[in-house]
Amino acid sequence: MTAPTGAAAAQKPVVEKVQVGVTDYSDILARYGSPARNQLHADGSRTVTYAWTKTRIRPVTFVPLLNLVGGGGKTRINAQTLTFGPDGKLVSLTADDAKVECVIWSGCSGASPD
């Protein structure tokens, strides 16, 4: 079995374990593996994003007819974007957290994370 990378490796918040101006790109790769997105900019700076989702389906979703009134689920979406300067040191970090709830017949809606 291989070690998790990208989304699986970043499930612990990156934001709590890094310091602007101190943490470098190689530290992040060693701790969290390959990011879900990796952008190299013309000036040598780099932006990486670790992202993952967690979905919980309501059990009633699998019960015929009852699923019409109570079926659906909730999804939590997390993303952490880190920007590194040309020297490889962390310049900024942004963390996003969102929730989406879906119910059969009424669609999906976003909600603020709790």
PDB file of N, CA and C in Angstrom:
ATOM      1  N   MET A   1       0.846  -1.179   0.000  1.00  0.00           N
ATOM      2  CA  MET A   1       0.000   0.000   0.000  1.00  0.00           C
ATOM      3  C   MET A   1       0.891   1.241   0.000  1.00  0.00           C
ATOM      4  N   THR A   2       0.536   2.226  -0.817  1.00  0.00           N
ATOM      5  CA  THR A   2       1.337   3.443  -0.909  1.00  0.00           C
ATOM      6  C   THR A   2       0.788   4.511   0.019  1.00  0.00           C
ATOM      7  N   ALA A   3       1.639   5.459   0.367  1.00  0.00           N
ATOM      8  CA  ALA A   3       1.218   6.572   1.215  1.00  0.00           C
ATOM      9  C   ALA A   3       0.269   7.468   0.434  1.00  0.00           C
ATOM     10  N   PRO A   4      -0.734   8.051   1.102  1.00  0.00           N
ATOM     11  CA  PRO A   4      -1.666   8.925   0.399  1.00  0.00           C
ATOM     12  C   PRO A   4      -0.967  10.188  -0.092  1.00  0.00           C
ATOM     13  N   THR A   5      -1.427  10.686  -1.227  1.00  0.00           N
ATOM     14  CA  THR A   5      -0.894  11.932  -1.765  1.00  0.00           C
ATOM     15  C   THR A   5      -2.033  12.858  -2.117  1.00  0.00           C
ATOM     16  N   GLY A   6      -1.706  14.094  -2.428  1.00  0.00           N
ATOM     17  CA  GLY A   6      -2.701  15.064  -2.868  1.00  0.00           C
ATOM     18  C   GLY A   6      -3.828  15.202  -1.872  1.00  0.00           C
ATOM     19  N   ALA A   7      -5.054  14.975  -2.328  1.00  0.00           N
ATOM     20  CA  ALA A   7      -6.228  15.181  -1.499  1.00  0.00           C
ATOM     21  C   ALA A   7      -6.211  14.335  -0.236  1.00  0.00           C
ATOM     22  N   ALA A   8      -5.831  13.073  -0.350  1.00  0.00           N
ATOM     23  CA  ALA A   8      -5.846  12.188   0.818  1.00  0.00           C
ATOM     24  C   ALA A   8      -4.831  12.631   1.865  1.00  0.00           C
ATOM     25  N   ALA A   9      -3.689  13.102   1.439  1.00  0.00           N
ATOM     26  CA  ALA A   9      -2.644  13.484   2.380  1.00  0.00           C
ATOM     27  C   ALA A   9      -2.940  14.799   3.066  1.00  0.00           C
ATOM     28  N   ALA A  10      -3.748  15.644   2.462  1.00  0.00           N
ATOM     29  CA  ALA A  10      -3.971  16.988   2.988  1.00  0.00           C
ATOM     30  C   ALA A  10      -5.192  17.086   3.894  1.00  0.00           C
ATOM     31  N   GLN A  11      -5.745  15.968   4.329  1.00  0.00           N
ATOM     32  CA  GLN A  11      -6.942  16.031   5.140  1.00  0.00           C
ATOM     33  C   GLN A  11      -6.711  16.656   6.506  1.00  0.00           C
ATOM     34  N   LYS A  12      -5.478  16.722   6.959  1.00  0.00           N
ATOM     35  CA  LYS A  12      -5.163  17.497   8.149  1.00  0.00           C
ATOM     36  C   LYS A  12      -4.855  18.906   7.670  1.00  0.00           C
ATOM     37  N   PRO A  13      -5.395  19.923   8.319  1.00  0.00           N
ATOM     38  CA  PRO A  13      -5.216  21.280   7.826  1.00  0.00           C
ATOM     39  C   PRO A  13      -3.751  21.674   7.643  1.00  0.00           C
ATOM     40  N   VAL A  14      -3.427  22.108   6.447  1.00  0.00           N
ATOM     41  CA  VAL A  14      -2.085  22.600   6.148  1.00  0.00           C
ATOM     42  C   VAL A  14      -1.848  23.914   6.877  1.00  0.00           C
ATOM     43  N   VAL A  15      -2.887  24.722   7.003  1.00  0.00           N
ATOM     44  CA  VAL A  15      -2.777  26.070   7.543  1.00  0.00           C
ATOM     45  C   VAL A  15      -2.161  26.103   8.943  1.00  0.00           C
ATOM     46  N   GLU A  16      -2.340  25.071   9.730  1.00  0.00           N
ATOM     47  CA  GLU A  16      -1.838  25.051  11.104  1.00  0.00           C
ATOM     48  C   GLU A  16      -0.373  24.632  11.193  1.00  0.00           C
ATOM     49  N   LYS A  17       0.201  24.148  10.113  1.00  0.00           N
ATOM     50  CA  LYS A  17       1.532  23.563  10.195  1.00  0.00           C
ATOM     51  C   LYS A  17       2.570  24.274   9.343  1.00  0.00           C
ATOM     52  N   VAL A  18       2.246  25.454   8.833  1.00  0.00           N
ATOM     53  CA  VAL A  18       3.182  26.171   7.976  1.00  0.00           C
ATOM     54  C   VAL A  18       3.367  27.600   8.474  1.00  0.00           C
ATOM     55  N   GLN A  19       4.483  28.204   8.048  1.00  0.00           N
ATOM     56  CA  GLN A  19       4.757  29.596   8.417  1.00  0.00           C
ATOM     57  C   GLN A  19       5.208  30.353   7.180  1.00  0.00           C
ATOM     58  N   VAL A  20       4.581  31.502   6.949  1.00  0.00           N
ATOM     59  CA  VAL A  20       4.973  32.361   5.840  1.00  0.00           C
ATOM     60  C   VAL A  20       6.434  32.772   6.025  1.00  0.00           C
ATOM     61  N   GLY A  21       7.203  32.689   4.963  1.00  0.00           N
ATOM     62  CA  GLY A  21       8.609  33.061   4.989  1.00  0.00           C
ATOM     63  C   GLY A  21       9.543  31.996   5.535  1.00  0.00           C
ATOM     64  N   VAL A  22       9.005  30.936   6.108  1.00  0.00           N
ATOM     65  CA  VAL A  22       9.824  29.873   6.703  1.00  0.00           C
ATOM     66  C   VAL A  22       9.642  28.554   5.947  1.00  0.00           C
ATOM     67  N   THR A  23       8.384  28.113   5.815  1.00  0.00           N
ATOM     68  CA  THR A  23       8.094  26.847   5.154  1.00  0.00           C
ATOM     69  C   THR A  23       8.408  26.962   3.670  1.00  0.00           C
ATOM     70  N   ASP A  24       9.048  25.937   3.107  1.00  0.00           N
ATOM     71  CA  ASP A  24       9.307  25.983   1.668  1.00  0.00           C
ATOM     72  C   ASP A  24       8.569  24.862   0.946  1.00  0.00           C
ATOM     73  N   TYR A  25       8.593  24.944  -0.374  1.00  0.00           N
ATOM     74  CA  TYR A  25       7.840  24.022  -1.217  1.00  0.00           C
ATOM     75  C   TYR A  25       8.226  22.564  -0.961  1.00  0.00           C
ATOM     76  N   SER A  26       9.492  22.284  -0.782  1.00  0.00           N
ATOM     77  CA  SER A  26       9.921  20.897  -0.549  1.00  0.00           C
ATOM     78  C   SER A  26       9.381  20.365   0.777  1.00  0.00           C
ATOM     79  N   ASP A  27       9.236  21.230   1.794  1.00  0.00           N
ATOM     80  CA  ASP A  27       8.631  20.816   3.068  1.00  0.00           C
ATOM     81  C   ASP A  27       7.186  20.354   2.846  1.00  0.00           C
ATOM     82  N   ILE A  28       6.447  21.124   2.070  1.00  0.00           N
ATOM     83  CA  ILE A  28       5.044  20.792   1.805  1.00  0.00           C
ATOM     84  C   ILE A  28       4.936  19.483   1.034  1.00  0.00           C
ATOM     85  N   LEU A  29       5.769  19.310   0.017  1.00  0.00           N
ATOM     86  CA  LEU A  29       5.739  18.053  -0.746  1.00  0.00           C
ATOM     87  C   LEU A  29       6.063  16.858   0.145  1.00  0.00           C
ATOM     88  N   ALA A  30       7.027  17.006   1.039  1.00  0.00           N
ATOM     89  CA  ALA A  30       7.407  15.908   1.927  1.00  0.00           C
ATOM     90  C   ALA A  30       6.272  15.556   2.896  1.00  0.00           C
ATOM     91  N   ARG A  31       5.558  16.571   3.390  1.00  0.00           N
ATOM     92  CA  ARG A  31       4.486  16.338   4.360  1.00  0.00           C
ATOM     93  C   ARG A  31       3.193  15.849   3.737  1.00  0.00           C
ATOM     94  N   TYR A  32       2.824  16.424   2.576  1.00  0.00           N
ATOM     95  CA  TYR A  32       1.486  16.204   2.035  1.00  0.00           C
ATOM     96  C   TYR A  32       1.441  15.527   0.665  1.00  0.00           C
ATOM     97  N   GLY A  33       2.593  15.279   0.058  1.00  0.00           N
ATOM     98  CA  GLY A  33       2.600  14.639  -1.251  1.00  0.00           C
ATOM     99  C   GLY A  33       2.244  15.597  -2.367  1.00  0.00           C
ATOM    100  N   SER A  34       1.974  15.032  -3.524  1.00  0.00           N
ATOM    101  CA  SER A  34       1.659  15.844  -4.703  1.00  0.00           C
ATOM    102  C   SER A  34       0.330  16.565  -4.512  1.00  0.00           C
ATOM    103  N   PRO A  35       0.275  17.849  -4.858  1.00  0.00           N
ATOM    104  CA  PRO A  35      -0.980  18.596  -4.722  1.00  0.00           C
ATOM    105  C   PRO A  35      -1.966  18.235  -5.837  1.00  0.00           C
ATOM    106  N   ALA A  36      -3.214  18.590  -5.619  1.00  0.00           N
ATOM    107  CA  ALA A  36      -4.241  18.372  -6.640  1.00  0.00           C
ATOM    108  C   ALA A  36      -4.003  19.299  -7.837  1.00  0.00           C
ATOM    109  N   ARG A  37      -3.430  20.472  -7.581  1.00  0.00           N
ATOM    110  CA  ARG A  37      -3.131  21.432  -8.648  1.00  0.00           C
ATOM    111  C   ARG A  37      -1.787  22.082  -8.361  1.00  0.00           C
ATOM    112  N   ASN A  38      -0.984  22.262  -9.408  1.00  0.00           N
ATOM    113  CA  ASN A  38       0.359  22.831  -9.262  1.00  0.00           C
ATOM    114  C   ASN A  38       0.597  23.772 -10.434  1.00  0.00           C
ATOM    115  N   GLN A  39       0.708  25.069 -10.148  1.00  0.00           N
ATOM    116  CA  GLN A  39       0.921  26.068 -11.192  1.00  0.00           C
ATOM    117  C   GLN A  39       2.298  26.693 -11.020  1.00  0.00           C
ATOM    118  N   LEU A  40       3.106  26.667 -12.065  1.00  0.00           N
ATOM    119  CA  LEU A  40       4.400  27.334 -12.066  1.00  0.00           C
ATOM    120  C   LEU A  40       4.256  28.602 -12.893  1.00  0.00           C
ATOM    121  N   HIS A  41       4.577  29.751 -12.288  1.00  0.00           N
ATOM    122  CA  HIS A  41       4.399  31.043 -12.943  1.00  0.00           C
ATOM    123  C   HIS A  41       5.690  31.487 -13.634  1.00  0.00           C
ATOM    124  N   ALA A  42       5.563  32.408 -14.585  1.00  0.00           N
ATOM    125  CA  ALA A  42       6.703  32.883 -15.384  1.00  0.00           C
ATOM    126  C   ALA A  42       7.823  33.469 -14.522  1.00  0.00           C
ATOM    127  N   ASP A  43       7.487  34.071 -13.394  1.00  0.00           N
ATOM    128  CA  ASP A  43       8.511  34.677 -12.533  1.00  0.00           C
ATOM    129  C   ASP A  43       9.195  33.668 -11.609  1.00  0.00           C
ATOM    130  N   GLY A  44       8.833  32.381 -11.729  1.00  0.00           N
ATOM    131  CA  GLY A  44       9.436  31.342 -10.895  1.00  0.00           C
ATOM    132  C   GLY A  44       8.654  31.046  -9.632  1.00  0.00           C
ATOM    133  N   SER A  45       7.619  31.829  -9.349  1.00  0.00           N
ATOM    134  CA  SER A  45       6.784  31.543  -8.180  1.00  0.00           C
ATOM    135  C   SER A  45       5.861  30.371  -8.527  1.00  0.00           C
ATOM    136  N   ARG A  46       5.223  29.826  -7.514  1.00  0.00           N
ATOM    137  CA  ARG A  46       4.405  28.625  -7.699  1.00  0.00           C
ATOM    138  C   ARG A  46       3.186  28.711  -6.792  1.00  0.00           C
ATOM    139  N   THR A  47       2.050  28.226  -7.298  1.00  0.00           N
ATOM    140  CA  THR A  47       0.830  28.132  -6.516  1.00  0.00           C
ATOM    141  C   THR A  47       0.370  26.677  -6.549  1.00  0.00           C
ATOM    142  N   VAL A  48       0.138  26.093  -5.373  1.00  0.00           N
ATOM    143  CA  VAL A  48      -0.332  24.712  -5.283  1.00  0.00           C
ATOM    144  C   VAL A  48      -1.626  24.674  -4.478  1.00  0.00           C
ATOM    145  N   THR A  49      -2.472  23.714  -4.822  1.00  0.00           N
ATOM    146  CA  THR A  49      -3.744  23.561  -4.126  1.00  0.00           C
ATOM    147  C   THR A  49      -3.924  22.106  -3.710  1.00  0.00           C
ATOM    148  N   TYR A  50      -4.263  21.918  -2.454  1.00  0.00           N
ATOM    149  CA  TYR A  50      -4.675  20.618  -1.931  1.00  0.00           C
ATOM    150  C   TYR A  50      -6.185  20.712  -1.718  1.00  0.00           C
ATOM    151  N   ALA A  51      -6.923  19.728  -2.213  1.00  0.00           N
ATOM    152  CA  ALA A  51      -8.380  19.780  -2.120  1.00  0.00           C
ATOM    153  C   ALA A  51      -8.937  18.393  -1.852  1.00  0.00           C
ATOM    154  N   TRP A  52     -10.068  18.360  -1.175  1.00  0.00           N
ATOM    155  CA  TRP A  52     -10.740  17.093  -0.935  1.00  0.00           C
ATOM    156  C   TRP A  52     -12.203  17.351  -0.620  1.00  0.00           C
ATOM    157  N   THR A  53     -12.999  16.304  -0.745  1.00  0.00           N
ATOM    158  CA  THR A  53     -14.411  16.364  -0.406  1.00  0.00           C
ATOM    159  C   THR A  53     -14.760  15.174   0.481  1.00  0.00           C
ATOM    160  N   LYS A  54     -15.780  15.357   1.272  1.00  0.00           N
ATOM    161  CA  LYS A  54     -16.296  14.269   2.104  1.00  0.00           C
ATOM    162  C   LYS A  54     -17.818  14.302   1.952  1.00  0.00           C
ATOM    163  N   THR A  55     -18.395  13.187   1.515  1.00  0.00           N
ATOM    164  CA  THR A  55     -19.835  13.130   1.276  1.00  0.00           C
ATOM    165  C   THR A  55     -20.478  12.100   2.187  1.00  0.00           C
ATOM    166  N   ARG A  56     -21.604  12.489   2.743  1.00  0.00           N
ATOM    167  CA  ARG A  56     -22.395  11.565   3.565  1.00  0.00           C
ATOM    168  C   ARG A  56     -23.782  11.464   2.947  1.00  0.00           C
ATOM    169  N   ILE A  57     -24.146  10.263   2.561  1.00  0.00           N
ATOM    170  CA  ILE A  57     -25.457  10.006   1.971  1.00  0.00           C
ATOM    171  C   ILE A  57     -26.411   9.587   3.083  1.00  0.00           C
ATOM    172  N   ARG A  58     -27.600  10.181   3.106  1.00  0.00           N
ATOM    173  CA  ARG A  58     -28.597   9.771   4.097  1.00  0.00           C
ATOM    174  C   ARG A  58     -29.034   8.330   3.813  1.00  0.00           C
ATOM    175  N   PRO A  59     -29.108   7.468   4.833  1.00  0.00           N
ATOM    176  CA  PRO A  59     -29.507   6.072   4.622  1.00  0.00           C
ATOM    177  C   PRO A  59     -30.862   5.917   3.929  1.00  0.00           C
ATOM    178  N   VAL A  60     -31.791   6.816   4.207  1.00  0.00           N
ATOM    179  CA  VAL A  60     -33.120   6.719   3.611  1.00  0.00           C
ATOM    180  C   VAL A  60     -33.065   6.870   2.086  1.00  0.00           C
ATOM    181  N   THR A  61     -31.982   7.386   1.571  1.00  0.00           N
ATOM    182  CA  THR A  61     -31.812   7.522   0.119  1.00  0.00           C
ATOM    183  C   THR A  61     -31.942   6.176  -0.587  1.00  0.00           C
ATOM    184  N   PHE A  62     -31.599   5.105   0.102  1.00  0.00           N
ATOM    185  CA  PHE A  62     -31.610   3.773  -0.499  1.00  0.00           C
ATOM    186  C   PHE A  62     -32.913   3.000  -0.260  1.00  0.00           C
ATOM    187  N   VAL A  63     -33.894   3.651   0.355  1.00  0.00           N
ATOM    188  CA  VAL A  63     -35.186   3.009   0.629  1.00  0.00           C
ATOM    189  C   VAL A  63     -36.206   3.499  -0.400  1.00  0.00           C
ATOM    190  N   PRO A  64     -36.722   2.579  -1.236  1.00  0.00           N
ATOM    191  CA  PRO A  64     -37.694   3.003  -2.247  1.00  0.00           C
ATOM    192  C   PRO A  64     -38.872   3.764  -1.644  1.00  0.00           C
ATOM    193  N   LEU A  65     -39.316   4.743  -2.336  1.00  0.00           N
ATOM    194  CA  LEU A  65     -40.412   5.650  -1.985  1.00  0.00           C
ATOM    195  C   LEU A  65     -40.052   6.605  -0.844  1.00  0.00           C
ATOM    196  N   LEU A  66     -39.484   6.116   0.243  1.00  0.00           N
ATOM    197  CA  LEU A  66     -39.074   7.022   1.320  1.00  0.00           C
ATOM    198  C   LEU A  66     -37.983   7.983   0.843  1.00  0.00           C
ATOM    199  N   ASN A  67     -37.191   7.524  -0.115  1.00  0.00           N
ATOM    200  CA  ASN A  67     -36.119   8.373  -0.614  1.00  0.00           C
ATOM    201  C   ASN A  67     -36.660   9.629  -1.297  1.00  0.00           C
ATOM    202  N   LEU A  68     -37.903   9.599  -1.726  1.00  0.00           N
ATOM    203  CA  LEU A  68     -38.489  10.763  -2.385  1.00  0.00           C
ATOM    204  C   LEU A  68     -38.707  11.930  -1.436  1.00  0.00           C
ATOM    205  N   VAL A  69     -38.886  11.649  -0.159  1.00  0.00           N
ATOM    206  CA  VAL A  69     -39.126  12.731   0.803  1.00  0.00           C
ATOM    207  C   VAL A  69     -37.934  13.002   1.710  1.00  0.00           C
ATOM    208  N   GLY A  70     -37.027  12.053   1.849  1.00  0.00           N
ATOM    209  CA  GLY A  70     -35.915  12.266   2.764  1.00  0.00           C
ATOM    210  C   GLY A  70     -34.559  11.914   2.210  1.00  0.00           C
ATOM    211  N   GLY A  71     -34.509  11.548   0.944  1.00  0.00           N
ATOM    212  CA  GLY A  71     -33.235  11.148   0.363  1.00  0.00           C
ATOM    213  C   GLY A  71     -32.336  12.329   0.055  1.00  0.00           C
ATOM    214  N   GLY A  72     -31.065  12.048  -0.041  1.00  0.00           N
ATOM    215  CA  GLY A  72     -30.099  13.095  -0.365  1.00  0.00           C
ATOM    216  C   GLY A  72     -28.820  12.909   0.429  1.00  0.00           C
ATOM    217  N   GLY A  73     -28.072  13.968   0.569  1.00  0.00           N
ATOM    218  CA  GLY A  73     -26.823  13.880   1.309  1.00  0.00           C
ATOM    219  C   GLY A  73     -26.182  15.239   1.513  1.00  0.00           C
ATOM    220  N   LYS A  74     -25.056  15.219   2.199  1.00  0.00           N
ATOM    221  CA  LYS A  74     -24.290  16.424   2.480  1.00  0.00           C
ATOM    222  C   LYS A  74     -22.853  16.210   2.017  1.00  0.00           C
ATOM    223  N   THR A  75     -22.269  17.251   1.455  1.00  0.00           N
ATOM    224  CA  THR A  75     -20.877  17.202   1.027  1.00  0.00           C
ATOM    225  C   THR A  75     -20.137  18.392   1.616  1.00  0.00           C
ATOM    226  N   ARG A  76     -18.953  18.118   2.130  1.00  0.00           N
ATOM    227  CA  ARG A  76     -18.073  19.179   2.622  1.00  0.00           C
ATOM    228  C   ARG A  76     -16.896  19.267   1.662  1.00  0.00           C
ATOM    229  N   ILE A  77     -16.588  20.474   1.221  1.00  0.00           N
ATOM    230  CA  ILE A  77     -15.531  20.713   0.253  1.00  0.00           C
ATOM    231  C   ILE A  77     -14.461  21.580   0.907  1.00  0.00           C
ATOM    232  N   ASN A  78     -13.224  21.112   0.890  1.00  0.00           N
ATOM    233  CA  ASN A  78     -12.115  21.848   1.481  1.00  0.00           C
ATOM    234  C   ASN A  78     -11.032  22.055   0.432  1.00  0.00           C
ATOM    235  N   ALA A  79     -10.422  23.221   0.446  1.00  0.00           N
ATOM    236  CA  ALA A  79      -9.287  23.495  -0.436  1.00  0.00           C
ATOM    237  C   ALA A  79      -8.321  24.416   0.296  1.00  0.00           C
ATOM    238  N   GLN A  80      -7.044  24.149   0.144  1.00  0.00           N
ATOM    239  CA  GLN A  80      -6.005  24.987   0.727  1.00  0.00           C
ATOM    240  C   GLN A  80      -5.020  25.323  -0.377  1.00  0.00           C
ATOM    241  N   THR A  81      -4.855  26.607  -0.638  1.00  0.00           N
ATOM    242  CA  THR A  81      -3.998  27.080  -1.713  1.00  0.00           C
ATOM    243  C   THR A  81      -2.793  27.791  -1.116  1.00  0.00           C
ATOM    244  N   LEU A  82      -1.611  27.354  -1.515  1.00  0.00           N
ATOM    245  CA  LEU A  82      -0.364  27.926  -1.009  1.00  0.00           C
ATOM    246  C   LEU A  82       0.402  28.553  -2.166  1.00  0.00           C
ATOM    247  N   THR A  83       0.929  29.754  -1.959  1.00  0.00           N
ATOM    248  CA  THR A  83       1.730  30.421  -2.977  1.00  0.00           C
ATOM    249  C   THR A  83       3.151  30.552  -2.458  1.00  0.00           C
ATOM    250  N   PHE A  84       4.110  30.149  -3.290  1.00  0.00           N
ATOM    251  CA  PHE A  84       5.528  30.197  -2.951  1.00  0.00           C
ATOM    252  C   PHE A  84       6.221  31.189  -3.877  1.00  0.00           C
ATOM    253  N   GLY A  85       7.159  31.946  -3.330  1.00  0.00           N
ATOM    254  CA  GLY A  85       7.936  32.878  -4.131  1.00  0.00           C
ATOM    255  C   GLY A  85       8.964  32.146  -4.972  1.00  0.00           C
ATOM    256  N   PRO A  86       9.690  32.879  -5.828  1.00  0.00           N
ATOM    257  CA  PRO A  86      10.725  32.263  -6.671  1.00  0.00           C
ATOM    258  C   PRO A  86      11.807  31.536  -5.867  1.00  0.00           C
ATOM    259  N   ASP A  87      11.989  31.939  -4.604  1.00  0.00           N
ATOM    260  CA  ASP A  87      12.978  31.285  -3.740  1.00  0.00           C
ATOM    261  C   ASP A  87      12.442  30.004  -3.097  1.00  0.00           C
ATOM    262  N   GLY A  88      11.155  29.676  -3.356  1.00  0.00           N
ATOM    263  CA  GLY A  88      10.556  28.464  -2.808  1.00  0.00           C
ATOM    264  C   GLY A  88       9.931  28.631  -1.439  1.00  0.00           C
ATOM    265  N   LYS A  89      10.040  29.811  -0.834  1.00  0.00           N
ATOM    266  CA  LYS A  89       9.456  30.055   0.493  1.00  0.00           C
ATOM    267  C   LYS A  89       7.985  30.442   0.380  1.00  0.00           C
ATOM    268  N   LEU A  90       7.208  30.034   1.363  1.00  0.00           N
ATOM    269  CA  LEU A  90       5.781  30.321   1.389  1.00  0.00           C
ATOM    270  C   LEU A  90       5.536  31.823   1.497  1.00  0.00           C
ATOM    271  N   VAL A  91       4.676  32.340   0.601  1.00  0.00           N
ATOM    272  CA  VAL A  91       4.319  33.755   0.590  1.00  0.00           C
ATOM    273  C   VAL A  91       2.919  33.960   1.166  1.00  0.00           C
ATOM    274  N   SER A  92       1.987  33.067   0.827  1.00  0.00           N
ATOM    275  CA  SER A  92       0.624  33.207   1.332  1.00  0.00           C
ATOM    276  C   SER A  92      -0.087  31.858   1.341  1.00  0.00           C
ATOM    277  N   LEU A  93      -1.156  31.801   2.137  1.00  0.00           N
ATOM    278  CA  LEU A  93      -1.958  30.588   2.253  1.00  0.00           C
ATOM    279  C   LEU A  93      -3.418  30.988   2.356  1.00  0.00           C
ATOM    280  N   THR A  94      -4.266  30.314   1.599  1.00  0.00           N
ATOM    281  CA  THR A  94      -5.706  30.540   1.650  1.00  0.00           C
ATOM    282  C   THR A  94      -6.386  29.206   1.904  1.00  0.00           C
ATOM    283  N   ALA A  95      -7.331  29.196   2.844  1.00  0.00           N
ATOM    284  CA  ALA A  95      -8.086  27.985   3.140  1.00  0.00           C
ATOM    285  C   ALA A  95      -9.564  28.253   2.891  1.00  0.00           C
ATOM    286  N   ASP A  96     -10.202  27.379   2.111  1.00  0.00           N
ATOM    287  CA  ASP A  96     -11.627  27.489   1.810  1.00  0.00           C
ATOM    288  C   ASP A  96     -12.344  26.264   2.346  1.00  0.00           C
ATOM    289  N   ASP A  97     -13.549  26.482   2.869  1.00  0.00           N
ATOM    290  CA  ASP A  97     -14.345  25.400   3.425  1.00  0.00           C
ATOM    291  C   ASP A  97     -15.803  25.686   3.076  1.00  0.00           C
ATOM    292  N   ALA A  98     -16.479  24.741   2.459  1.00  0.00           N
ATOM    293  CA  ALA A  98     -17.875  24.945   2.072  1.00  0.00           C
ATOM    294  C   ALA A  98     -18.663  23.659   2.277  1.00  0.00           C
ATOM    295  N   LYS A  99     -19.975  23.820   2.446  1.00  0.00           N
ATOM    296  CA  LYS A  99     -20.865  22.671   2.564  1.00  0.00           C
ATOM    297  C   LYS A  99     -21.976  22.799   1.526  1.00  0.00           C
ATOM    298  N   VAL A 100     -22.379  21.659   0.979  1.00  0.00           N
ATOM    299  CA  VAL A 100     -23.500  21.610   0.044  1.00  0.00           C
ATOM    300  C   VAL A 100     -24.429  20.506   0.534  1.00  0.00           C
ATOM    301  N   GLU A 101     -25.721  20.819   0.581  1.00  0.00           N
ATOM    302  CA  GLU A 101     -26.708  19.823   0.992  1.00  0.00           C
ATOM    303  C   GLU A 101     -27.669  19.597  -0.168  1.00  0.00           C
ATOM    304  N   CYS A 102     -27.900  18.332  -0.498  1.00  0.00           N
ATOM    305  CA  CYS A 102     -28.807  17.978  -1.593  1.00  0.00           C
ATOM    306  C   CYS A 102     -29.940  17.121  -1.065  1.00  0.00           C
ATOM    307  N   VAL A 103     -31.151  17.450  -1.499  1.00  0.00           N
ATOM    308  CA  VAL A 103     -32.342  16.689  -1.132  1.00  0.00           C
ATOM    309  C   VAL A 103     -33.074  16.355  -2.423  1.00  0.00           C
ATOM    310  N   ILE A 104     -33.475  15.100  -2.551  1.00  0.00           N
ATOM    311  CA  ILE A 104     -34.215  14.688  -3.744  1.00  0.00           C
ATOM    312  C   ILE A 104     -35.483  15.531  -3.851  1.00  0.00           C
ATOM    313  N   TRP A 105     -35.789  15.995  -5.016  1.00  0.00           N
ATOM    314  CA  TRP A 105     -36.935  16.828  -5.386  1.00  0.00           C
ATOM    315  C   TRP A 105     -36.728  18.314  -5.105  1.00  0.00           C
ATOM    316  N   SER A 106     -35.843  18.698  -4.220  1.00  0.00           N
ATOM    317  CA  SER A 106     -35.700  20.133  -3.978  1.00  0.00           C
ATOM    318  C   SER A 106     -34.318  20.652  -4.383  1.00  0.00           C
ATOM    319  N   GLY A 107     -33.432  19.772  -4.825  1.00  0.00           N
ATOM    320  CA  GLY A 107     -32.138  20.218  -5.334  1.00  0.00           C
ATOM    321  C   GLY A 107     -31.092  20.413  -4.253  1.00  0.00           C
ATOM    322  N   CYS A 108     -30.075  21.204  -4.604  1.00  0.00           N
ATOM    323  CA  CYS A 108     -28.930  21.411  -3.715  1.00  0.00           C
ATOM    324  C   CYS A 108     -28.837  22.866  -3.296  1.00  0.00           C
ATOM    325  N   SER A 109     -28.271  23.068  -2.120  1.00  0.00           N
ATOM    326  CA  SER A 109     -28.042  24.433  -1.650  1.00  0.00           C
ATOM    327  C   SER A 109     -26.728  24.470  -0.889  1.00  0.00           C
ATOM    328  N   GLY A 110     -26.067  25.600  -0.927  1.00  0.00           N
ATOM    329  CA  GLY A 110     -24.825  25.786  -0.182  1.00  0.00           C
ATOM    330  C   GLY A 110     -25.129  26.271   1.212  1.00  0.00           C
ATOM    331  N   ALA A 111     -24.202  26.010   2.101  1.00  0.00           N
ATOM    332  CA  ALA A 111     -24.347  26.448   3.483  1.00  0.00           C
ATOM    333  C   ALA A 111     -22.986  26.820   4.014  1.00  0.00           C
ATOM    334  N   SER A 112     -22.964  27.721   4.961  1.00  0.00           N
ATOM    335  CA  SER A 112     -21.703  28.088   5.587  1.00  0.00           C
ATOM    336  C   SER A 112     -21.198  26.935   6.424  1.00  0.00           C
ATOM    337  N   PRO A 113     -19.886  26.716   6.450  1.00  0.00           N
ATOM    338  CA  PRO A 113     -19.351  25.624   7.277  1.00  0.00           C
ATOM    339  C   PRO A 113     -19.587  25.909   8.757  1.00  0.00           C
ATOM    340  N   ASP A 114     -19.785  24.828   9.508  1.00  0.00           N
ATOM    341  CA  ASP A 114     -19.969  25.030  10.948  1.00  0.00           C
ATOM    342  C   ASP A 114     -18.709  24.789  11.701  1.00  0.00           C
TER     343      ASP A 114
END
